Amino acid sequence: MALRFSEYFWGKNSFEVLDKQLEQGKESLKLFSSLMIERSNAEKNYVKSLENILKSAQKLSDYPNFENLFQNFRNSLEATIGIHSALILPLKDDQGAGVEAFKEDQKKKRKMIMTEASKLNTEFKNQEATTEKLKEKYHKLAKENEANQKANEAAKQTKPKDQIKIAQKAQKSQLDTEKAETEYKDQVSKFTTFIPSYQSKIETFLNDLQQMEEDRLHTIKQHWVKYGHLTTQIEPTSFAPQIIQHAENINVDSCLTAFVHDKQTGTSRPIFSCF
C-alpha cells in the first residue's frame, strides 16, 4: 500500500507541491493522447497509400504464368490494409480521445478540490492571524493595566485631584483589558473549534488528490497495455510484448510511495491554540 498524502503533506505549500505533480500528470496524459492520435493518422495515411498501390496493382498484366504471383501480391496488400485499418479507430477514439476525456474530467476535479482547499487554507490563516492579533492586544493591555493599577495604588499617597485622574485611568485600563481578554478567549474558542473541522476537510482533500493520481497512473498503465495488444500484429516480434510487460510491471503504489518520500512537506498537523 502506498504512503498516504494525508499523512505526509501537512507542511507549508503542500497543495502547491501536489498541484505541480498533478499538472505534470495532466501534461503526460495530453502527450499520450496526442501521440495516439498521431499514430492513428499515420496508420490512416499508410492505409491510403496501400490502397493507391492496390488500385494500381489491379492493372498488373503479363503472361498467364504471372497471374498467381500478381494475385498473391494483391492479396498481401489487402491483408495489410485490413490489419492497419483495424488500428485507426481504436488508436484515435479509445486511446487518443478516451485519454483526452479522462484528462478533462481530472482537470475539473482538480480545479474543484484546489479551489475549496485554497478557501479553507485562507480561512485558517485568517483565523490564525486574528487569534495572534487579539493575543498581542490582550497581553499589551494586560501589561499596561498592571502598571496602571500599581500607579493607582501608589497615588493614594498623592493629592485627591491627582488620585481621581489616576483612578479613572486605572478603571478604564481595567475595562479595556477585560474586554480584550474576552475577545481573545472567544477567538481562541472559535479557532480551537475550527481546527478539527479544518483538519478533517484537508485530510479529505489530500485523499481525493491521491485518488486522482492513483486513477491517472492506473489509466495510463492500462492504455499502454491496450496499445501493446493493438500493435501486436504489426510490430516486430519483441516490441509489442515488451510494451505490454513493462506496462503491466508498473507498480502504482511504488510510484506514489517514491513521490511521497521525495516531496513530503511534513507530518505535523496544526495544533490547538490555547489561552
Protein backbone atom coordinates (compact mmCIF):
# COMPACT_ATOMS: atom_id res chain seq x y z
CA MET A 1 0.00 0.00 0.00
CA ALA A 2 1.29 3.45 -0.91
CA LEU A 3 2.16 6.07 1.69
CA ARG A 4 -0.74 8.45 2.21
CA PHE A 5 -0.74 12.09 1.14
CA SER A 6 -2.95 12.75 4.17
CA GLU A 7 -0.10 11.75 6.47
CA TYR A 8 2.87 13.45 4.83
CA PHE A 9 1.60 16.72 3.32
CA TRP A 10 0.82 18.99 6.27
CA GLY A 11 3.66 21.47 5.83
CA LYS A 12 3.74 24.78 4.02
CA ASN A 13 2.98 24.78 0.30
CA SER A 14 1.65 21.20 0.42
CA PHE A 15 -1.10 21.88 -2.07
CA GLU A 16 1.31 23.76 -4.35
CA VAL A 17 3.59 20.69 -4.39
CA LEU A 18 0.70 18.35 -5.13
CA ASP A 19 -0.80 20.68 -7.73
CA LYS A 20 2.55 20.74 -9.56
CA GLN A 21 2.58 16.94 -9.64
CA LEU A 22 -0.98 16.84 -10.95
CA GLU A 23 -0.08 19.40 -13.60
CA GLN A 24 2.77 17.15 -14.76
CA GLY A 25 0.31 14.26 -14.84
CA LYS A 26 -2.08 16.30 -16.98
CA GLU A 27 0.72 17.05 -19.45
CA SER A 28 1.61 13.33 -19.54
CA LEU A 29 -1.99 12.46 -20.41
CA LYS A 30 -2.09 15.20 -23.02
CA LEU A 31 1.09 13.92 -24.66
CA PHE A 32 -0.10 10.30 -24.65
CA SER A 33 -3.40 11.31 -26.24
CA SER A 34 -1.59 13.36 -28.86
CA LEU A 35 0.80 10.50 -29.68
CA MET A 36 -2.07 8.03 -30.11
CA ILE A 37 -3.95 10.39 -32.43
CA GLU A 38 -0.78 11.00 -34.45
CA ARG A 39 -0.23 7.25 -34.63
CA SER A 40 -3.82 6.80 -35.82
CA ASN A 41 -3.29 9.43 -38.52
CA ALA A 42 -0.08 7.69 -39.58
CA GLU A 43 -1.97 4.41 -39.92
CA LYS A 44 -4.72 6.18 -41.89
CA ASN A 45 -2.20 7.72 -44.28
CA TYR A 46 -0.40 4.40 -44.63
CA VAL A 47 -3.65 2.65 -45.49
CA LYS A 48 -4.42 5.28 -48.12
CA SER A 49 -1.01 4.75 -49.65
CA LEU A 50 -1.50 0.99 -49.73
CA GLU A 51 -4.96 1.42 -51.25
CA ASN A 52 -3.45 3.53 -54.04
CA ILE A 53 -0.82 0.85 -54.62
CA LEU A 54 -3.56 -1.84 -54.67
CA LYS A 55 -5.54 0.17 -57.19
CA SER A 56 -2.51 0.36 -59.43
CA ALA A 57 -1.78 -3.34 -58.85
CA GLN A 58 -5.14 -4.26 -60.37
CA LYS A 59 -3.63 -3.29 -63.73
CA LEU A 60 -0.75 -5.77 -63.48
CA SER A 61 -0.70 -7.88 -66.62
CA ASP A 62 1.80 -10.24 -68.21
CA TYR A 63 2.00 -13.86 -69.30
CA PRO A 64 -0.69 -16.01 -67.69
CA ASN A 65 2.03 -17.71 -65.68
CA PHE A 66 2.44 -14.44 -63.72
CA GLU A 67 -1.20 -14.19 -62.68
CA ASN A 68 -0.82 -16.18 -59.44
CA LEU A 69 2.14 -14.01 -58.47
CA PHE A 70 0.20 -10.81 -59.14
CA GLN A 71 -2.82 -12.12 -57.23
CA ASN A 72 -0.68 -13.05 -54.22
CA PHE A 73 0.76 -9.54 -54.23
CA ARG A 74 -2.74 -8.03 -54.29
CA ASN A 75 -3.90 -10.39 -51.55
CA SER A 76 -0.92 -9.38 -49.43
CA LEU A 77 -1.79 -5.71 -49.87
CA GLU A 78 -5.42 -6.31 -48.96
CA ALA A 79 -4.43 -8.21 -45.83
CA THR A 80 -2.00 -5.50 -44.77
CA ILE A 81 -4.64 -2.82 -45.41
CA GLY A 82 -7.09 -4.76 -43.25
CA ILE A 83 -4.66 -5.07 -40.36
CA HIS A 84 -3.71 -1.39 -40.35
CA SER A 85 -7.28 -0.20 -40.95
CA ALA A 86 -8.30 -2.04 -37.79
CA LEU A 87 -5.92 0.17 -35.79
CA ILE A 88 -7.19 3.58 -36.93
CA LEU A 89 -10.34 3.96 -34.82
CA PRO A 90 -9.10 2.24 -31.63
CA LEU A 91 -6.00 4.43 -31.62
CA LYS A 92 -7.99 7.59 -32.29
CA ASP A 93 -11.17 7.05 -30.26
CA ASP A 94 -10.21 4.79 -27.36
CA GLN A 95 -6.55 5.62 -26.90
CA GLY A 96 -6.50 9.24 -28.04
CA ALA A 97 -9.96 10.69 -27.39
CA GLY A 98 -10.54 8.38 -24.42
CA VAL A 99 -7.47 9.60 -22.59
CA GLU A 100 -8.27 13.20 -23.51
CA ALA A 101 -11.74 12.84 -21.96
CA PHE A 102 -10.20 11.34 -18.82
CA LYS A 103 -7.75 14.27 -18.67
CA GLU A 104 -10.56 16.82 -18.87
CA ASP A 105 -12.51 15.04 -16.14
CA GLN A 106 -9.46 15.09 -13.88
CA LYS A 107 -8.93 18.77 -14.68
CA LYS A 108 -12.43 19.61 -13.41
CA LYS A 109 -11.99 17.56 -10.23
CA ARG A 110 -8.60 19.10 -9.57
CA LYS A 111 -9.90 22.64 -10.01
CA MET A 112 -12.78 21.99 -7.62
CA ILE A 113 -10.52 20.48 -4.94
CA MET A 114 -7.86 23.16 -5.23
CA THR A 115 -10.43 25.96 -5.09
CA GLU A 116 -12.05 24.57 -1.95
CA ALA A 117 -8.68 23.83 -0.34
CA SER A 118 -7.50 27.37 -1.08
CA LYS A 119 -10.62 28.84 0.56
CA LEU A 120 -10.14 26.63 3.59
CA ASN A 121 -6.46 27.48 3.96
CA THR A 122 -7.25 31.18 3.62
CA GLU A 123 -9.84 30.85 6.39
CA PHE A 124 -7.30 29.05 8.57
CA LYS A 125 -4.69 31.77 8.01
CA ASN A 126 -7.26 34.47 8.80
CA GLN A 127 -8.32 32.70 11.99
CA GLU A 128 -4.68 32.24 12.97
CA ALA A 129 -3.83 35.87 12.25
CA THR A 130 -6.88 37.14 14.16
CA THR A 131 -6.01 34.97 17.14
CA GLU A 132 -2.43 36.22 17.18
CA LYS A 133 -3.54 39.83 16.81
CA LEU A 134 -6.01 39.60 19.70
CA LYS A 135 -3.40 37.78 21.77
CA GLU A 136 -0.88 40.57 21.26
CA LYS A 137 -3.52 43.18 22.02
CA TYR A 138 -4.59 41.44 25.23
CA HIS A 139 -1.03 40.97 26.52
CA LYS A 140 -0.16 44.56 25.71
CA LEU A 141 -3.22 45.91 27.55
CA ALA A 142 -2.68 43.49 30.45
CA LYS A 143 0.86 44.76 30.88
CA GLU A 144 -0.30 48.38 30.71
CA ASN A 145 -3.13 47.61 33.12
CA GLU A 146 -0.73 46.09 35.61
CA ALA A 147 1.32 49.28 35.55
CA ASN A 148 -1.81 51.46 35.83
CA GLN A 149 -3.10 49.50 38.83
CA LYS A 150 0.25 49.86 40.59
CA ALA A 151 0.21 53.57 39.81
CA ASN A 152 -3.30 53.78 41.25
CA GLU A 153 -2.17 52.14 44.48
CA ALA A 154 0.78 54.48 44.74
CA ALA A 155 -1.44 57.51 44.01
CA LYS A 156 -3.25 57.08 47.30
CA GLN A 157 -0.41 59.00 48.87
CA THR A 158 -0.86 61.95 46.47
CA LYS A 159 -3.35 64.83 46.22
CA PRO A 160 -7.04 63.88 45.84
CA LYS A 161 -7.24 65.63 42.49
CA ASP A 162 -4.38 63.52 41.10
CA GLN A 163 -5.84 60.38 42.68
CA ILE A 164 -9.09 60.84 40.72
CA LYS A 165 -7.33 61.12 37.36
CA ILE A 166 -5.09 58.14 38.04
CA ALA A 167 -8.04 56.09 39.35
CA GLN A 168 -10.09 56.88 36.25
CA LYS A 169 -7.20 55.85 34.03
CA ALA A 170 -6.79 52.62 36.01
CA GLN A 171 -10.52 51.90 35.79
CA LYS A 172 -10.56 52.43 32.00
CA SER A 173 -7.42 50.30 31.66
CA GLN A 174 -9.07 47.51 33.64
CA LEU A 175 -12.20 47.61 31.47
CA ASP A 176 -10.18 47.67 28.25
CA THR A 177 -8.12 44.72 29.46
CA GLU A 178 -11.19 42.71 30.43
CA LYS A 179 -12.76 43.42 27.05
CA ALA A 180 -9.57 42.38 25.24
CA GLU A 181 -9.40 39.23 27.36
CA THR A 182 -12.98 38.30 26.45
CA GLU A 183 -12.34 38.93 22.75
CA TYR A 184 -9.17 36.85 22.87
CA LYS A 185 -10.84 33.97 24.74
CA ASP A 186 -13.79 33.98 22.32
CA GLN A 187 -11.42 33.87 19.34
CA VAL A 188 -9.39 31.05 20.88
CA SER A 189 -12.61 29.10 21.41
CA LYS A 190 -13.65 29.78 17.82
CA PHE A 191 -10.24 28.78 16.48
CA THR A 192 -10.00 25.58 18.50
CA THR A 193 -13.48 24.63 17.31
CA PHE A 194 -12.47 25.34 13.71
CA ILE A 195 -9.24 23.31 13.71
CA PRO A 196 -10.74 19.77 13.93
CA SER A 197 -13.09 20.59 11.06
CA TYR A 198 -10.19 22.10 9.12
CA GLN A 199 -8.03 19.01 9.63
CA SER A 200 -10.83 16.68 8.59
CA LYS A 201 -11.58 18.61 5.39
CA ILE A 202 -7.90 18.95 4.46
CA GLU A 203 -7.43 15.23 5.01
CA THR A 204 -10.36 14.57 2.67
CA PHE A 205 -8.88 16.85 0.02
CA LEU A 206 -5.50 15.12 0.29
CA ASN A 207 -7.10 11.71 -0.04
CA ASP A 208 -9.08 12.91 -3.06
CA LEU A 209 -5.91 14.19 -4.73
CA GLN A 210 -4.14 10.90 -4.08
CA GLN A 211 -7.09 9.00 -5.54
CA MET A 212 -6.87 11.19 -8.63
CA GLU A 213 -3.18 10.42 -9.04
CA GLU A 214 -3.79 6.71 -8.49
CA ASP A 215 -6.56 6.76 -11.11
CA ARG A 216 -4.29 8.55 -13.57
CA LEU A 217 -1.44 6.07 -13.15
CA HIS A 218 -3.75 3.06 -13.45
CA THR A 219 -5.41 4.59 -16.52
CA ILE A 220 -2.20 5.37 -18.37
CA LYS A 221 -0.85 1.93 -17.45
CA GLN A 222 -3.95 0.21 -18.84
CA HIS A 223 -3.81 2.23 -22.04
CA TRP A 224 -0.18 1.27 -22.65
CA VAL A 225 -1.20 -2.37 -22.25
CA LYS A 226 -4.01 -1.83 -24.76
CA TYR A 227 -1.58 -0.17 -27.15
CA GLY A 228 0.72 -3.16 -26.92
CA HIS A 229 -2.11 -5.55 -27.74
CA LEU A 230 -3.32 -3.35 -30.60
CA THR A 231 0.07 -3.28 -32.27
CA THR A 232 0.97 -6.94 -31.69
CA GLN A 233 0.19 -7.84 -35.32
CA ILE A 234 2.30 -5.13 -36.90
CA GLU A 235 5.25 -4.57 -34.55
CA PRO A 236 8.47 -6.53 -34.88
CA THR A 237 8.16 -9.69 -32.80
CA SER A 238 9.56 -8.48 -29.45
CA PHE A 239 8.45 -4.86 -29.14
CA ALA A 240 4.70 -5.16 -28.51
CA PRO A 241 5.09 -7.89 -25.87
CA GLN A 242 7.80 -5.80 -24.21
CA ILE A 243 5.48 -2.79 -24.06
CA ILE A 244 2.77 -4.96 -22.52
CA GLN A 245 5.17 -6.50 -20.00
CA HIS A 246 6.75 -3.18 -18.97
CA ALA A 247 3.30 -1.58 -18.52
CA GLU A 248 1.96 -4.49 -16.50
CA ASN A 249 5.06 -4.45 -14.29
CA ILE A 250 4.50 -0.82 -13.25
CA ASN A 251 3.58 -0.75 -9.55
CA VAL A 252 1.35 2.25 -8.87
CA ASP A 253 1.83 2.03 -5.09
CA SER A 254 5.61 2.11 -5.51
CA CYS A 255 5.36 5.18 -7.76
CA LEU A 256 3.25 7.04 -5.21
CA THR A 257 5.42 6.00 -2.27
CA ALA A 258 8.53 7.23 -4.07
CA PHE A 259 6.80 10.54 -4.75
CA VAL A 260 5.78 10.93 -1.10
CA HIS A 261 9.32 10.17 0.09
CA ASP A 262 10.75 12.72 -2.33
CA LYS A 263 8.23 15.56 -1.98
CA GLN A 264 6.69 15.26 1.50
CA THR A 265 6.27 18.56 3.34
CA GLY A 266 5.71 17.39 6.92
CA THR A 267 3.59 15.22 9.18
CA SER A 268 2.76 17.76 11.92
CA ARG A 269 -0.83 18.87 11.79
CA PRO A 270 -1.98 22.32 13.06
CA ILE A 271 -2.13 22.29 16.87
CA PHE A 272 -4.92 23.66 19.02
CA SER A 273 -4.39 27.19 20.18
CA CYS A 274 -4.65 27.67 23.96
CA PHE A 275 -5.37 30.75 26.04
